[in-house]
Amino acid sequence: VPRNAGQKVLKAAIAKQDLSGNWAKTSWAKKVASRSTRSSNSDFDRFKLQKYKKLRREIVNKASKSANA
């Protein structure tokens, strides 16, 4: 892309390199998407997440206790 390029040149370069697709694959973009999803959760969604985390923790603890015994 040359310096001081116009909109046509920039749009063509962005389309050619598939910048939006490549951006979505980066960890930064995934982190931004995760933050926006978590911030838009309702109170009930946060409650369900808490319950699933508790259930997962119980399963992992039970498995680790049986493996150590």
C-alpha atoms as a PDB file:
ATOM      1  CA  VAL A   1       0.000   0.000   0.000  1.00  0.00           C
ATOM      2  CA  PRO A   2       1.546   3.310  -1.014  1.00  0.00           C
ATOM      3  CA  ARG A   3       1.671   6.287   1.302  1.00  0.00           C
ATOM      4  CA  ASN A   4      -1.387   8.522   1.279  1.00  0.00           C
ATOM      5  CA  ALA A   5      -3.442   5.860  -0.499  1.00  0.00           C
ATOM      6  CA  GLY A   6      -7.086   6.516  -1.267  1.00  0.00           C
ATOM      7  CA  GLN A   7     -10.110   4.555  -0.123  1.00  0.00           C
ATOM      8  CA  LYS A   8     -10.283   2.422  -3.257  1.00  0.00           C
ATOM      9  CA  VAL A   9      -6.700   1.267  -2.880  1.00  0.00           C
ATOM     10  CA  LEU A  10      -7.127   0.541   0.820  1.00  0.00           C
ATOM     11  CA  LYS A  11     -10.380  -1.377   0.332  1.00  0.00           C
ATOM     12  CA  ALA A  12      -8.801  -3.443  -2.428  1.00  0.00           C
ATOM     13  CA  ALA A  13      -5.751  -4.228  -0.285  1.00  0.00           C
ATOM     14  CA  ILE A  14      -7.923  -5.162   2.694  1.00  0.00           C
ATOM     15  CA  ALA A  15     -10.080  -7.450   0.548  1.00  0.00           C
ATOM     16  CA  LYS A  16      -7.045  -9.016  -1.120  1.00  0.00           C
ATOM     17  CA  GLN A  17      -5.326  -9.849   2.171  1.00  0.00           C
ATOM     18  CA  ASP A  18      -8.540 -10.865   3.995  1.00  0.00           C
ATOM     19  CA  LEU A  19      -7.669  -8.683   6.962  1.00  0.00           C
ATOM     20  CA  SER A  20     -10.960  -9.178   8.787  1.00  0.00           C
ATOM     21  CA  GLY A  21     -10.627 -12.966   8.607  1.00  0.00           C
ATOM     22  CA  ASN A  22      -7.012 -12.893   9.701  1.00  0.00           C
ATOM     23  CA  TRP A  23      -7.847 -10.448  12.487  1.00  0.00           C
ATOM     24  CA  ALA A  24     -10.588 -12.736  13.820  1.00  0.00           C
ATOM     25  CA  LYS A  25      -8.025 -15.537  14.197  1.00  0.00           C
ATOM     26  CA  THR A  26      -5.684 -13.525  16.439  1.00  0.00           C
ATOM     27  CA  SER A  27      -5.683 -13.956  20.191  1.00  0.00           C
ATOM     28  CA  TRP A  28      -6.247 -10.218  20.643  1.00  0.00           C
ATOM     29  CA  ALA A  29      -9.489 -10.357  18.625  1.00  0.00           C
ATOM     30  CA  LYS A  30     -10.624 -13.464  20.492  1.00  0.00           C
ATOM     31  CA  LYS A  31      -9.963 -11.713  23.802  1.00  0.00           C
ATOM     32  CA  VAL A  32     -11.964  -8.656  22.695  1.00  0.00           C
ATOM     33  CA  ALA A  33     -14.857 -10.862  21.577  1.00  0.00           C
ATOM     34  CA  SER A  34     -14.786 -12.784  24.847  1.00  0.00           C
ATOM     35  CA  ARG A  35     -14.849  -9.578  26.875  1.00  0.00           C
ATOM     36  CA  SER A  36     -17.786  -8.195  24.929  1.00  0.00           C
ATOM     37  CA  THR A  37     -19.686 -11.462  25.307  1.00  0.00           C
ATOM     38  CA  ARG A  38     -19.049 -11.600  29.042  1.00  0.00           C
ATOM     39  CA  SER A  39     -19.991  -7.954  29.539  1.00  0.00           C
ATOM     40  CA  SER A  40     -23.282  -8.456  27.711  1.00  0.00           C
ATOM     41  CA  ASN A  41     -24.273 -11.430  29.893  1.00  0.00           C
ATOM     42  CA  SER A  42     -27.381 -11.087  31.988  1.00  0.00           C
ATOM     43  CA  ASP A  43     -27.504 -11.872  35.683  1.00  0.00           C
ATOM     44  CA  PHE A  44     -28.986 -15.285  34.935  1.00  0.00           C
ATOM     45  CA  ASP A  45     -26.195 -16.050  32.439  1.00  0.00           C
ATOM     46  CA  ARG A  46     -23.603 -15.253  35.109  1.00  0.00           C
ATOM     47  CA  PHE A  47     -25.474 -17.507  37.545  1.00  0.00           C
ATOM     48  CA  LYS A  48     -25.497 -20.396  35.057  1.00  0.00           C
ATOM     49  CA  LEU A  49     -21.786 -19.908  34.416  1.00  0.00           C
ATOM     50  CA  GLN A  50     -21.125 -20.030  38.156  1.00  0.00           C
ATOM     51  CA  LYS A  51     -23.050 -23.309  38.433  1.00  0.00           C
ATOM     52  CA  TYR A  52     -21.202 -24.897  35.488  1.00  0.00           C
ATOM     53  CA  LYS A  53     -17.844 -23.874  36.943  1.00  0.00           C
ATOM     54  CA  LYS A  54     -18.806 -25.382  40.302  1.00  0.00           C
ATOM     55  CA  LEU A  55     -19.883 -28.622  38.625  1.00  0.00           C
ATOM     56  CA  ARG A  56     -16.645 -28.792  36.631  1.00  0.00           C
ATOM     57  CA  ARG A  57     -14.598 -28.138  39.770  1.00  0.00           C
ATOM     58  CA  GLU A  58     -16.396 -30.954  41.627  1.00  0.00           C
ATOM     59  CA  ILE A  59     -15.782 -33.408  38.780  1.00  0.00           C
ATOM     60  CA  VAL A  60     -12.089 -32.509  38.571  1.00  0.00           C
ATOM     61  CA  ASN A  61     -11.630 -32.761  42.331  1.00  0.00           C
ATOM     62  CA  LYS A  62     -13.355 -36.140  42.439  1.00  0.00           C
ATOM     63  CA  ALA A  63     -11.181 -37.447  39.594  1.00  0.00           C
ATOM     64  CA  SER A  64      -7.975 -36.172  41.177  1.00  0.00           C
ATOM     65  CA  LYS A  65      -8.877 -37.722  44.551  1.00  0.00           C
ATOM     66  CA  SER A  66      -9.580 -41.097  42.949  1.00  0.00           C
ATOM     67  CA  ALA A  67      -6.321 -40.911  40.974  1.00  0.00           C
ATOM     68  CA  ASN A  68      -4.306 -40.144  44.103  1.00  0.00           C
ATOM     69  CA  ALA A  69      -5.959 -42.879  46.178  1.00  0.00           C
END
